[in-house]
Amino acid sequence: MDALGPVRLALIVVFGLCGLFFTFVSMTGVLRLPDVYSRAHTASQADTLGAGFTLAAVALAAGWDGAGFKTVLLLFFIFVTNPTAAHAIARAAFEEGIVPWTEGDERR
C-alpha cells in the first residue's frame, strides 16, 4: 500500500457516507413534500449530490484505469441530466395546470 492509501480510503468512506446522507435526504423529501414541484426540487438537488458523492467514491476506489474514467464520465452525465429531467417534470406539471402547494392549502 502506498503512502496515500489511508488518505484515499478515508476519502472513499467520507464520499460514500455523504452520498448515502444526501440520497436519504432526497428519499425523505420525495416522500414527505406536498406537491410535484417540491418533490422535483429535492430530487434534482439532493439526489444529484447523493449520486455525485457516491460516484466520486467509486471513482476513487476504482483508480484511474478504464472503470474510474467511465465513472467520472457517468458523474458528469448525471450532473447534467438529473436537473434537466426534474425541470422537464416540473414544466410538464405546470403546463397541465397543476397548482403549486401554498401554506394553508389543505391538499397534501
PDB file of N, CA and C in Angstrom:
ATOM      1  N   MET A   1       0.858  -1.174   0.000  1.00  0.00           N
ATOM      2  CA  MET A   1       0.000   0.000   0.000  1.00  0.00           C
ATOM      3  C   MET A   1       0.905   1.238   0.000  1.00  0.00           C
ATOM      4  N   ASP A   2       0.589   2.177  -0.864  1.00  0.00           N
ATOM      5  CA  ASP A   2       1.405   3.383  -0.951  1.00  0.00           C
ATOM      6  C   ASP A   2       1.099   4.346   0.198  1.00  0.00           C
ATOM      7  N   ALA A   3       1.798   5.480   0.229  1.00  0.00           N
ATOM      8  CA  ALA A   3       1.651   6.440   1.322  1.00  0.00           C
ATOM      9  C   ALA A   3       0.266   7.084   1.322  1.00  0.00           C
ATOM     10  N   LEU A   4      -0.369   7.184   0.165  1.00  0.00           N
ATOM     11  CA  LEU A   4      -1.684   7.814   0.082  1.00  0.00           C
ATOM     12  C   LEU A   4      -2.827   6.824   0.314  1.00  0.00           C
ATOM     13  N   GLY A   5      -2.519   5.580   0.582  1.00  0.00           N
ATOM     14  CA  GLY A   5      -3.546   4.560   0.783  1.00  0.00           C
ATOM     15  C   GLY A   5      -4.548   4.882   1.876  1.00  0.00           C
ATOM     16  N   PRO A   6      -4.083   5.234   3.091  1.00  0.00           N
ATOM     17  CA  PRO A   6      -5.049   5.559   4.151  1.00  0.00           C
ATOM     18  C   PRO A   6      -5.872   6.817   3.848  1.00  0.00           C
ATOM     19  N   VAL A   7      -5.260   7.798   3.222  1.00  0.00           N
ATOM     20  CA  VAL A   7      -5.988   9.023   2.867  1.00  0.00           C
ATOM     21  C   VAL A   7      -7.038   8.703   1.807  1.00  0.00           C
ATOM     22  N   ARG A   8      -6.656   7.901   0.836  1.00  0.00           N
ATOM     23  CA  ARG A   8      -7.594   7.506  -0.224  1.00  0.00           C
ATOM     24  C   ARG A   8      -8.765   6.710   0.356  1.00  0.00           C
ATOM     25  N   LEU A   9      -8.465   5.797   1.255  1.00  0.00           N
ATOM     26  CA  LEU A   9      -9.523   5.020   1.892  1.00  0.00           C
ATOM     27  C   LEU A   9     -10.452   5.916   2.712  1.00  0.00           C
ATOM     28  N   ALA A  10      -9.876   6.877   3.434  1.00  0.00           N
ATOM     29  CA  ALA A  10     -10.701   7.801   4.219  1.00  0.00           C
ATOM     30  C   ALA A  10     -11.598   8.631   3.303  1.00  0.00           C
ATOM     31  N   LEU A  11     -11.083   9.095   2.175  1.00  0.00           N
ATOM     32  CA  LEU A  11     -11.894   9.860   1.226  1.00  0.00           C
ATOM     33  C   LEU A  11     -13.016   9.013   0.634  1.00  0.00           C
ATOM     34  N   ILE A  12     -12.721   7.756   0.348  1.00  0.00           N
ATOM     35  CA  ILE A  12     -13.746   6.860  -0.182  1.00  0.00           C
ATOM     36  C   ILE A  12     -14.880   6.699   0.835  1.00  0.00           C
ATOM     37  N   VAL A  13     -14.526   6.513   2.092  1.00  0.00           N
ATOM     38  CA  VAL A  13     -15.540   6.348   3.138  1.00  0.00           C
ATOM     39  C   VAL A  13     -16.343   7.640   3.320  1.00  0.00           C
ATOM     40  N   VAL A  14     -15.658   8.782   3.361  1.00  0.00           N
ATOM     41  CA  VAL A  14     -16.347  10.064   3.556  1.00  0.00           C
ATOM     42  C   VAL A  14     -17.282  10.339   2.381  1.00  0.00           C
ATOM     43  N   PHE A  15     -16.798  10.154   1.151  1.00  0.00           N
ATOM     44  CA  PHE A  15     -17.652  10.388  -0.012  1.00  0.00           C
ATOM     45  C   PHE A  15     -18.828   9.420  -0.044  1.00  0.00           C
ATOM     46  N   GLY A  16     -18.593   8.169   0.325  1.00  0.00           N
ATOM     47  CA  GLY A  16     -19.686   7.193   0.369  1.00  0.00           C
ATOM     48  C   GLY A  16     -20.741   7.549   1.403  1.00  0.00           C
ATOM     49  N   LEU A  17     -20.299   7.985   2.580  1.00  0.00           N
ATOM     50  CA  LEU A  17     -21.253   8.379   3.622  1.00  0.00           C
ATOM     51  C   LEU A  17     -22.008   9.652   3.229  1.00  0.00           C
ATOM     52  N   CYS A  18     -21.324  10.598   2.609  1.00  0.00           N
ATOM     53  CA  CYS A  18     -22.016  11.802   2.125  1.00  0.00           C
ATOM     54  C   CYS A  18     -23.047  11.434   1.062  1.00  0.00           C
ATOM     55  N   GLY A  19     -22.699  10.514   0.185  1.00  0.00           N
ATOM     56  CA  GLY A  19     -23.640  10.050  -0.831  1.00  0.00           C
ATOM     57  C   GLY A  19     -24.868   9.402  -0.217  1.00  0.00           C
ATOM     58  N   LEU A  20     -24.649   8.574   0.794  1.00  0.00           N
ATOM     59  CA  LEU A  20     -25.785   7.944   1.481  1.00  0.00           C
ATOM     60  C   LEU A  20     -26.651   8.984   2.182  1.00  0.00           C
ATOM     61  N   PHE A  21     -26.027   9.974   2.805  1.00  0.00           N
ATOM     62  CA  PHE A  21     -26.776  11.009   3.507  1.00  0.00           C
ATOM     63  C   PHE A  21     -27.668  11.786   2.541  1.00  0.00           C
ATOM     64  N   PHE A  22     -27.099  12.263   1.440  1.00  0.00           N
ATOM     65  CA  PHE A  22     -27.891  13.063   0.508  1.00  0.00           C
ATOM     66  C   PHE A  22     -28.954  12.227  -0.200  1.00  0.00           C
ATOM     67  N   THR A  23     -28.679  10.965  -0.450  1.00  0.00           N
ATOM     68  CA  THR A  23     -29.696  10.097  -1.034  1.00  0.00           C
ATOM     69  C   THR A  23     -30.840   9.877  -0.047  1.00  0.00           C
ATOM     70  N   PHE A  24     -30.519   9.720   1.236  1.00  0.00           N
ATOM     71  CA  PHE A  24     -31.552   9.574   2.262  1.00  0.00           C
ATOM     72  C   PHE A  24     -32.381  10.852   2.389  1.00  0.00           C
ATOM     73  N   VAL A  25     -31.723  12.017   2.338  1.00  0.00           N
ATOM     74  CA  VAL A  25     -32.449  13.292   2.388  1.00  0.00           C
ATOM     75  C   VAL A  25     -33.379  13.414   1.187  1.00  0.00           C
ATOM     76  N   SER A  26     -32.908  13.023   0.021  1.00  0.00           N
ATOM     77  CA  SER A  26     -33.739  13.080  -1.180  1.00  0.00           C
ATOM     78  C   SER A  26     -34.940  12.154  -1.070  1.00  0.00           C
ATOM     79  N   MET A  27     -34.708  10.955  -0.591  1.00  0.00           N
ATOM     80  CA  MET A  27     -35.797   9.997  -0.432  1.00  0.00           C
ATOM     81  C   MET A  27     -36.834  10.512   0.562  1.00  0.00           C
ATOM     82  N   THR A  28     -36.369  11.079   1.656  1.00  0.00           N
ATOM     83  CA  THR A  28     -37.281  11.635   2.654  1.00  0.00           C
ATOM     84  C   THR A  28     -38.075  12.799   2.074  1.00  0.00           C
ATOM     85  N   GLY A  29     -37.410  13.655   1.303  1.00  0.00           N
ATOM     86  CA  GLY A  29     -38.092  14.785   0.691  1.00  0.00           C
ATOM     87  C   GLY A  29     -39.145  14.364  -0.306  1.00  0.00           C
ATOM     88  N   VAL A  30     -38.837  13.370  -1.107  1.00  0.00           N
ATOM     89  CA  VAL A  30     -39.809  12.892  -2.094  1.00  0.00           C
ATOM     90  C   VAL A  30     -41.029  12.293  -1.403  1.00  0.00           C
ATOM     91  N   LEU A  31     -40.823  11.628  -0.284  1.00  0.00           N
ATOM     92  CA  LEU A  31     -41.946  11.026   0.429  1.00  0.00           C
ATOM     93  C   LEU A  31     -42.744  12.038   1.245  1.00  0.00           C
ATOM     94  N   ARG A  32     -42.100  13.078   1.773  1.00  0.00           N
ATOM     95  CA  ARG A  32     -42.757  13.977   2.714  1.00  0.00           C
ATOM     96  C   ARG A  32     -43.271  15.282   2.115  1.00  0.00           C
ATOM     97  N   LEU A  33     -42.696  15.749   1.026  1.00  0.00           N
ATOM     98  CA  LEU A  33     -43.097  17.049   0.494  1.00  0.00           C
ATOM     99  C   LEU A  33     -44.450  16.968  -0.200  1.00  0.00           C
ATOM    100  N   PRO A  34     -45.199  18.076  -0.221  1.00  0.00           N
ATOM    101  CA  PRO A  34     -46.618  18.011  -0.577  1.00  0.00           C
ATOM    102  C   PRO A  34     -46.950  17.982  -2.067  1.00  0.00           C
ATOM    103  N   ASP A  35     -46.131  18.551  -2.940  1.00  0.00           N
ATOM    104  CA  ASP A  35     -46.541  18.619  -4.345  1.00  0.00           C
ATOM    105  C   ASP A  35     -45.395  18.245  -5.272  1.00  0.00           C
ATOM    106  N   VAL A  36     -45.730  18.158  -6.551  1.00  0.00           N
ATOM    107  CA  VAL A  36     -44.769  17.698  -7.544  1.00  0.00           C
ATOM    108  C   VAL A  36     -43.607  18.674  -7.699  1.00  0.00           C
ATOM    109  N   TYR A  37     -43.838  19.955  -7.496  1.00  0.00           N
ATOM    110  CA  TYR A  37     -42.778  20.943  -7.656  1.00  0.00           C
ATOM    111  C   TYR A  37     -41.731  20.812  -6.548  1.00  0.00           C
ATOM    112  N   SER A  38     -42.187  20.649  -5.335  1.00  0.00           N
ATOM    113  CA  SER A  38     -41.257  20.465  -4.217  1.00  0.00           C
ATOM    114  C   SER A  38     -40.506  19.148  -4.345  1.00  0.00           C
ATOM    115  N   ARG A  39     -41.195  18.133  -4.766  1.00  0.00           N
ATOM    116  CA  ARG A  39     -40.554  16.825  -4.931  1.00  0.00           C
ATOM    117  C   ARG A  39     -39.522  16.845  -6.049  1.00  0.00           C
ATOM    118  N   ALA A  40     -39.843  17.533  -7.135  1.00  0.00           N
ATOM    119  CA  ALA A  40     -38.868  17.639  -8.232  1.00  0.00           C
ATOM    120  C   ALA A  40     -37.645  18.421  -7.780  1.00  0.00           C
ATOM    121  N   HIS A  41     -37.852  19.427  -6.945  1.00  0.00           N
ATOM    122  CA  HIS A  41     -36.743  20.223  -6.448  1.00  0.00           C
ATOM    123  C   HIS A  41     -35.793  19.382  -5.600  1.00  0.00           C
ATOM    124  N   THR A  42     -36.347  18.633  -4.646  1.00  0.00           N
ATOM    125  CA  THR A  42     -35.475  17.826  -3.796  1.00  0.00           C
ATOM    126  C   THR A  42     -34.838  16.682  -4.582  1.00  0.00           C
ATOM    127  N   ALA A  43     -35.570  16.143  -5.546  1.00  0.00           N
ATOM    128  CA  ALA A  43     -34.993  15.056  -6.336  1.00  0.00           C
ATOM    129  C   ALA A  43     -33.857  15.556  -7.215  1.00  0.00           C
ATOM    130  N   SER A  44     -33.984  16.773  -7.726  1.00  0.00           N
ATOM    131  CA  SER A  44     -32.941  17.258  -8.622  1.00  0.00           C
ATOM    132  C   SER A  44     -31.703  17.703  -7.859  1.00  0.00           C
ATOM    133  N   GLN A  45     -31.845  18.207  -6.654  1.00  0.00           N
ATOM    134  CA  GLN A  45     -30.674  18.703  -5.937  1.00  0.00           C
ATOM    135  C   GLN A  45     -30.052  17.646  -5.036  1.00  0.00           C
ATOM    136  N   ALA A  46     -30.814  17.135  -4.099  1.00  0.00           N
ATOM    137  CA  ALA A  46     -30.244  16.204  -3.131  1.00  0.00           C
ATOM    138  C   ALA A  46     -29.856  14.877  -3.784  1.00  0.00           C
ATOM    139  N   ASP A  47     -30.657  14.411  -4.716  1.00  0.00           N
ATOM    140  CA  ASP A  47     -30.340  13.146  -5.375  1.00  0.00           C
ATOM    141  C   ASP A  47     -29.112  13.279  -6.265  1.00  0.00           C
ATOM    142  N   THR A  48     -28.948  14.422  -6.905  1.00  0.00           N
ATOM    143  CA  THR A  48     -27.760  14.652  -7.718  1.00  0.00           C
ATOM    144  C   THR A  48     -26.512  14.669  -6.844  1.00  0.00           C
ATOM    145  N   LEU A  49     -26.593  15.315  -5.696  1.00  0.00           N
ATOM    146  CA  LEU A  49     -25.451  15.314  -4.779  1.00  0.00           C
ATOM    147  C   LEU A  49     -25.167  13.912  -4.242  1.00  0.00           C
ATOM    148  N   GLY A  50     -26.223  13.184  -3.909  1.00  0.00           N
ATOM    149  CA  GLY A  50     -26.026  11.820  -3.418  1.00  0.00           C
ATOM    150  C   GLY A  50     -25.354  10.930  -4.446  1.00  0.00           C
ATOM    151  N   ALA A  51     -25.839  10.993  -5.670  1.00  0.00           N
ATOM    152  CA  ALA A  51     -25.221  10.194  -6.732  1.00  0.00           C
ATOM    153  C   ALA A  51     -23.812  10.685  -7.032  1.00  0.00           C
ATOM    154  N   GLY A  52     -23.610  11.999  -6.970  1.00  0.00           N
ATOM    155  CA  GLY A  52     -22.285  12.555  -7.237  1.00  0.00           C
ATOM    156  C   GLY A  52     -21.250  12.105  -6.228  1.00  0.00           C
ATOM    157  N   PHE A  53     -21.583  12.192  -4.944  1.00  0.00           N
ATOM    158  CA  PHE A  53     -20.641  11.753  -3.916  1.00  0.00           C
ATOM    159  C   PHE A  53     -20.392  10.246  -3.997  1.00  0.00           C
ATOM    160  N   THR A  54     -21.436   9.478  -4.256  1.00  0.00           N
ATOM    161  CA  THR A  54     -21.267   8.028  -4.352  1.00  0.00           C
ATOM    162  C   THR A  54     -20.392   7.654  -5.546  1.00  0.00           C
ATOM    163  N   LEU A  55     -20.631   8.298  -6.684  1.00  0.00           N
ATOM    164  CA  LEU A  55     -19.800   8.011  -7.855  1.00  0.00           C
ATOM    165  C   LEU A  55     -18.369   8.500  -7.671  1.00  0.00           C
ATOM    166  N   ALA A  56     -18.180   9.580  -6.923  1.00  0.00           N
ATOM    167  CA  ALA A  56     -16.820  10.028  -6.616  1.00  0.00           C
ATOM    168  C   ALA A  56     -16.102   8.979  -5.763  1.00  0.00           C
ATOM    169  N   ALA A  57     -16.819   8.376  -4.819  1.00  0.00           N
ATOM    170  CA  ALA A  57     -16.219   7.310  -4.009  1.00  0.00           C
ATOM    171  C   ALA A  57     -15.870   6.100  -4.872  1.00  0.00           C
ATOM    172  N   VAL A  58     -16.748   5.762  -5.794  1.00  0.00           N
ATOM    173  CA  VAL A  58     -16.473   4.630  -6.693  1.00  0.00           C
ATOM    174  C   VAL A  58     -15.274   4.933  -7.588  1.00  0.00           C
ATOM    175  N   ALA A  59     -15.195   6.170  -8.089  1.00  0.00           N
ATOM    176  CA  ALA A  59     -14.062   6.543  -8.944  1.00  0.00           C
ATOM    177  C   ALA A  59     -12.751   6.479  -8.172  1.00  0.00           C
ATOM    178  N   LEU A  60     -12.757   6.919  -6.916  1.00  0.00           N
ATOM    179  CA  LEU A  60     -11.541   6.813  -6.113  1.00  0.00           C
ATOM    180  C   LEU A  60     -11.178   5.358  -5.832  1.00  0.00           C
ATOM    181  N   ALA A  61     -12.184   4.537  -5.601  1.00  0.00           N
ATOM    182  CA  ALA A  61     -11.916   3.125  -5.328  1.00  0.00           C
ATOM    183  C   ALA A  61     -11.418   2.399  -6.575  1.00  0.00           C
ATOM    184  N   ALA A  62     -11.939   2.781  -7.742  1.00  0.00           N
ATOM    185  CA  ALA A  62     -11.553   2.095  -8.980  1.00  0.00           C
ATOM    186  C   ALA A  62     -10.182   2.520  -9.476  1.00  0.00           C
ATOM    187  N   GLY A  63      -9.757   3.715  -9.104  1.00  0.00           N
ATOM    188  CA  GLY A  63      -8.470   4.203  -9.589  1.00  0.00           C
ATOM    189  C   GLY A  63      -8.627   4.842 -10.963  1.00  0.00           C
ATOM    190  N   TRP A  64      -7.499   5.081 -11.621  1.00  0.00           N
ATOM    191  CA  TRP A  64      -7.527   5.796 -12.894  1.00  0.00           C
ATOM    192  C   TRP A  64      -7.390   4.866 -14.087  1.00  0.00           C
ATOM    193  N   ASP A  65      -7.931   3.685 -13.970  1.00  0.00           N
ATOM    194  CA  ASP A  65      -7.984   2.809 -15.141  1.00  0.00           C
ATOM    195  C   ASP A  65      -9.276   3.083 -15.903  1.00  0.00           C
ATOM    196  N   GLY A  66      -9.703   2.180 -16.741  1.00  0.00           N
ATOM    197  CA  GLY A  66     -10.901   2.383 -17.548  1.00  0.00           C
ATOM    198  C   GLY A  66     -12.165   2.563 -16.742  1.00  0.00           C
ATOM    199  N   ALA A  67     -12.311   1.804 -15.661  1.00  0.00           N
ATOM    200  CA  ALA A  67     -13.526   1.891 -14.843  1.00  0.00           C
ATOM    201  C   ALA A  67     -13.621   3.238 -14.132  1.00  0.00           C
ATOM    202  N   GLY A  68     -12.526   3.742 -13.622  1.00  0.00           N
ATOM    203  CA  GLY A  68     -12.536   5.041 -12.956  1.00  0.00           C
ATOM    204  C   GLY A  68     -12.869   6.170 -13.911  1.00  0.00           C
ATOM    205  N   PHE A  69     -12.319   6.089 -15.115  1.00  0.00           N
ATOM    206  CA  PHE A  69     -12.605   7.117 -16.121  1.00  0.00           C
ATOM    207  C   PHE A  69     -14.075   7.091 -16.528  1.00  0.00           C
ATOM    208  N   LYS A  70     -14.622   5.902 -16.700  1.00  0.00           N
ATOM    209  CA  LYS A  70     -16.044   5.778 -17.053  1.00  0.00           C
ATOM    210  C   LYS A  70     -16.938   6.271 -15.915  1.00  0.00           C
ATOM    211  N   THR A  71     -16.516   6.064 -14.690  1.00  0.00           N
ATOM    212  CA  THR A  71     -17.290   6.548 -13.551  1.00  0.00           C
ATOM    213  C   THR A  71     -17.317   8.072 -13.522  1.00  0.00           C
ATOM    214  N   VAL A  72     -16.197   8.714 -13.823  1.00  0.00           N
ATOM    215  CA  VAL A  72     -16.156  10.179 -13.871  1.00  0.00           C
ATOM    216  C   VAL A  72     -17.050  10.689 -15.002  1.00  0.00           C
ATOM    217  N   LEU A  73     -17.058  10.017 -16.149  1.00  0.00           N
ATOM    218  CA  LEU A  73     -17.952  10.405 -17.241  1.00  0.00           C
ATOM    219  C   LEU A  73     -19.417  10.262 -16.827  1.00  0.00           C
ATOM    220  N   LEU A  74     -19.732   9.198 -16.129  1.00  0.00           N
ATOM    221  CA  LEU A  74     -21.089   8.992 -15.628  1.00  0.00           C
ATOM    222  C   LEU A  74     -21.471  10.078 -14.622  1.00  0.00           C
ATOM    223  N   LEU A  75     -20.528  10.490 -13.802  1.00  0.00           N
ATOM    224  CA  LEU A  75     -20.763  11.568 -12.839  1.00  0.00           C
ATOM    225  C   LEU A  75     -21.152  12.860 -13.557  1.00  0.00           C
ATOM    226  N   PHE A  76     -20.427  13.231 -14.604  1.00  0.00           N
ATOM    227  CA  PHE A  76     -20.768  14.430 -15.362  1.00  0.00           C
ATOM    228  C   PHE A  76     -22.112  14.282 -16.065  1.00  0.00           C
ATOM    229  N   PHE A  77     -22.398  13.092 -16.564  1.00  0.00           N
ATOM    230  CA  PHE A  77     -23.679  12.838 -17.217  1.00  0.00           C
ATOM    231  C   PHE A  77     -24.839  13.031 -16.237  1.00  0.00           C
ATOM    232  N   ILE A  78     -24.700  12.536 -15.027  1.00  0.00           N
ATOM    233  CA  ILE A  78     -25.757  12.682 -14.027  1.00  0.00           C
ATOM    234  C   ILE A  78     -25.920  14.133 -13.610  1.00  0.00           C
ATOM    235  N   PHE A  79     -24.808  14.859 -13.491  1.00  0.00           N
ATOM    236  CA  PHE A  79     -24.899  16.277 -13.125  1.00  0.00           C
ATOM    237  C   PHE A  79     -25.643  17.093 -14.173  1.00  0.00           C
ATOM    238  N   VAL A  80     -25.642  16.647 -15.410  1.00  0.00           N
ATOM    239  CA  VAL A  80     -26.359  17.372 -16.464  1.00  0.00           C
ATOM    240  C   VAL A  80     -27.799  16.887 -16.586  1.00  0.00           C
ATOM    241  N   THR A  81     -28.006  15.585 -16.576  1.00  0.00           N
ATOM    242  CA  THR A  81     -29.327  15.046 -16.886  1.00  0.00           C
ATOM    243  C   THR A  81     -30.310  15.066 -15.718  1.00  0.00           C
ATOM    244  N   ASN A  82     -29.852  14.920 -14.489  1.00  0.00           N
ATOM    245  CA  ASN A  82     -30.769  14.879 -13.351  1.00  0.00           C
ATOM    246  C   ASN A  82     -31.540  16.190 -13.172  1.00  0.00           C
ATOM    247  N   PRO A  83     -30.880  17.347 -13.125  1.00  0.00           N
ATOM    248  CA  PRO A  83     -31.645  18.599 -13.029  1.00  0.00           C
ATOM    249  C   PRO A  83     -32.494  18.877 -14.267  1.00  0.00           C
ATOM    250  N   THR A  84     -32.019  18.465 -15.436  1.00  0.00           N
ATOM    251  CA  THR A  84     -32.791  18.671 -16.660  1.00  0.00           C
ATOM    252  C   THR A  84     -34.080  17.863 -16.629  1.00  0.00           C
ATOM    253  N   ALA A  85     -34.015  16.647 -16.158  1.00  0.00           N
ATOM    254  CA  ALA A  85     -35.213  15.811 -16.056  1.00  0.00           C
ATOM    255  C   ALA A  85     -36.194  16.374 -15.032  1.00  0.00           C
ATOM    256  N   ALA A  86     -35.685  16.858 -13.907  1.00  0.00           N
ATOM    257  CA  ALA A  86     -36.574  17.447 -12.903  1.00  0.00           C
ATOM    258  C   ALA A  86     -37.249  18.703 -13.445  1.00  0.00           C
ATOM    259  N   HIS A  87     -36.512  19.490 -14.213  1.00  0.00           N
ATOM    260  CA  HIS A  87     -37.107  20.683 -14.828  1.00  0.00           C
ATOM    261  C   HIS A  87     -38.196  20.291 -15.818  1.00  0.00           C
ATOM    262  N   ALA A  88     -37.951  19.255 -16.600  1.00  0.00           N
ATOM    263  CA  ALA A  88     -38.953  18.801 -17.570  1.00  0.00           C
ATOM    264  C   ALA A  88     -40.217  18.310 -16.861  1.00  0.00           C
ATOM    265  N   ILE A  89     -40.057  17.620 -15.746  1.00  0.00           N
ATOM    266  CA  ILE A  89     -41.214  17.143 -14.990  1.00  0.00           C
ATOM    267  C   ILE A  89     -41.997  18.315 -14.414  1.00  0.00           C
ATOM    268  N   ALA A  90     -41.299  19.288 -13.834  1.00  0.00           N
ATOM    269  CA  ALA A  90     -41.980  20.450 -13.266  1.00  0.00           C
ATOM    270  C   ALA A  90     -42.667  21.273 -14.353  1.00  0.00           C
ATOM    271  N   ARG A  91     -42.031  21.407 -15.495  1.00  0.00           N
ATOM    272  CA  ARG A  91     -42.641  22.162 -16.594  1.00  0.00           C
ATOM    273  C   ARG A  91     -43.887  21.450 -17.122  1.00  0.00           C
ATOM    274  N   ALA A  92     -43.822  20.127 -17.235  1.00  0.00           N
ATOM    275  CA  ALA A  92     -44.988  19.365 -17.690  1.00  0.00           C
ATOM    276  C   ALA A  92     -46.137  19.496 -16.687  1.00  0.00           C
ATOM    277  N   ALA A  93     -45.814  19.489 -15.396  1.00  0.00           N
ATOM    278  CA  ALA A  93     -46.855  19.668 -14.383  1.00  0.00           C
ATOM    279  C   ALA A  93     -47.481  21.054 -14.484  1.00  0.00           C
ATOM    280  N   PHE A  94     -46.658  22.075 -14.727  1.00  0.00           N
ATOM    281  CA  PHE A  94     -47.173  23.433 -14.872  1.00  0.00           C
ATOM    282  C   PHE A  94     -48.059  23.560 -16.097  1.00  0.00           C
ATOM    283  N   GLU A  95     -47.643  22.960 -17.204  1.00  0.00           N
ATOM    284  CA  GLU A  95     -48.432  23.024 -18.438  1.00  0.00           C
ATOM    285  C   GLU A  95     -49.732  22.240 -18.331  1.00  0.00           C
ATOM    286  N   GLU A  96     -49.786  21.246 -17.438  1.00  0.00           N
ATOM    287  CA  GLU A  96     -51.014  20.505 -17.205  1.00  0.00           C
ATOM    288  C   GLU A  96     -51.950  21.229 -16.253  1.00  0.00           C
ATOM    289  N   GLY A  97     -51.482  22.327 -15.679  1.00  0.00           N
ATOM    290  CA  GLY A  97     -52.323  23.119 -14.797  1.00  0.00           C
ATOM    291  C   GLY A  97     -52.291  22.701 -13.343  1.00  0.00           C
ATOM    292  N   ILE A  98     -51.301  21.935 -12.945  1.00  0.00           N
ATOM    293  CA  ILE A  98     -51.179  21.536 -11.548  1.00  0.00           C
ATOM    294  C   ILE A  98     -50.705  22.750 -10.750  1.00  0.00           C
ATOM    295  N   VAL A  99     -51.493  23.132  -9.771  1.00  0.00           N
ATOM    296  CA  VAL A  99     -51.216  24.333  -8.990  1.00  0.00           C
ATOM    297  C   VAL A  99     -50.220  23.992  -7.883  1.00  0.00           C
ATOM    298  N   PRO A 100     -49.200  24.827  -7.690  1.00  0.00           N
ATOM    299  CA  PRO A 100     -48.248  24.573  -6.599  1.00  0.00           C
ATOM    300  C   PRO A 100     -48.925  24.664  -5.232  1.00  0.00           C
ATOM    301  N   TRP A 101     -48.440  23.894  -4.306  1.00  0.00           N
ATOM    302  CA  TRP A 101     -48.947  23.907  -2.946  1.00  0.00           C
ATOM    303  C   TRP A 101     -48.538  25.219  -2.286  1.00  0.00           C
ATOM    304  N   THR A 102     -49.431  25.811  -1.523  1.00  0.00           N
ATOM    305  CA  THR A 102     -49.124  27.010  -0.746  1.00  0.00           C
ATOM    306  C   THR A 102     -49.473  26.763   0.709  1.00  0.00           C
ATOM    307  N   GLU A 103     -48.919  27.582   1.577  1.00  0.00           N
ATOM    308  CA  GLU A 103     -49.189  27.418   3.009  1.00  0.00           C
ATOM    309  C   GLU A 103     -50.662  27.668   3.281  1.00  0.00           C
ATOM    310  N   GLY A 104     -51.252  26.816   4.070  1.00  0.00           N
ATOM    311  CA  GLY A 104     -52.668  26.886   4.346  1.00  0.00           C
ATOM    312  C   GLY A 104     -53.502  26.033   3.408  1.00  0.00           C
ATOM    313  N   ASP A 105     -52.893  25.510   2.366  1.00  0.00           N
ATOM    314  CA  ASP A 105     -53.580  24.642   1.421  1.00  0.00           C
ATOM    315  C   ASP A 105     -53.763  23.271   2.090  1.00  0.00           C
ATOM    316  N   GLU A 106     -54.983  22.748   2.030  1.00  0.00           N
ATOM    317  CA  GLU A 106     -55.281  21.508   2.751  1.00  0.00           C
ATOM    318  C   GLU A 106     -54.927  20.252   1.968  1.00  0.00           C
ATOM    319  N   ARG A 107     -54.717  20.366   0.658  1.00  0.00           N
ATOM    320  CA  ARG A 107     -54.355  19.128  -0.079  1.00  0.00           C
ATOM    321  C   ARG A 107     -52.908  18.782   0.220  1.00  0.00           C
ATOM    322  N   ARG A 108     -52.737  17.590   0.608  1.00  0.00           N
ATOM    323  CA  ARG A 108     -51.391  17.145   0.971  1.00  0.00           C
ATOM    324  C   ARG A 108     -51.225  15.713   0.635  1.00  0.00           C
TER     325      ARG A 108
END
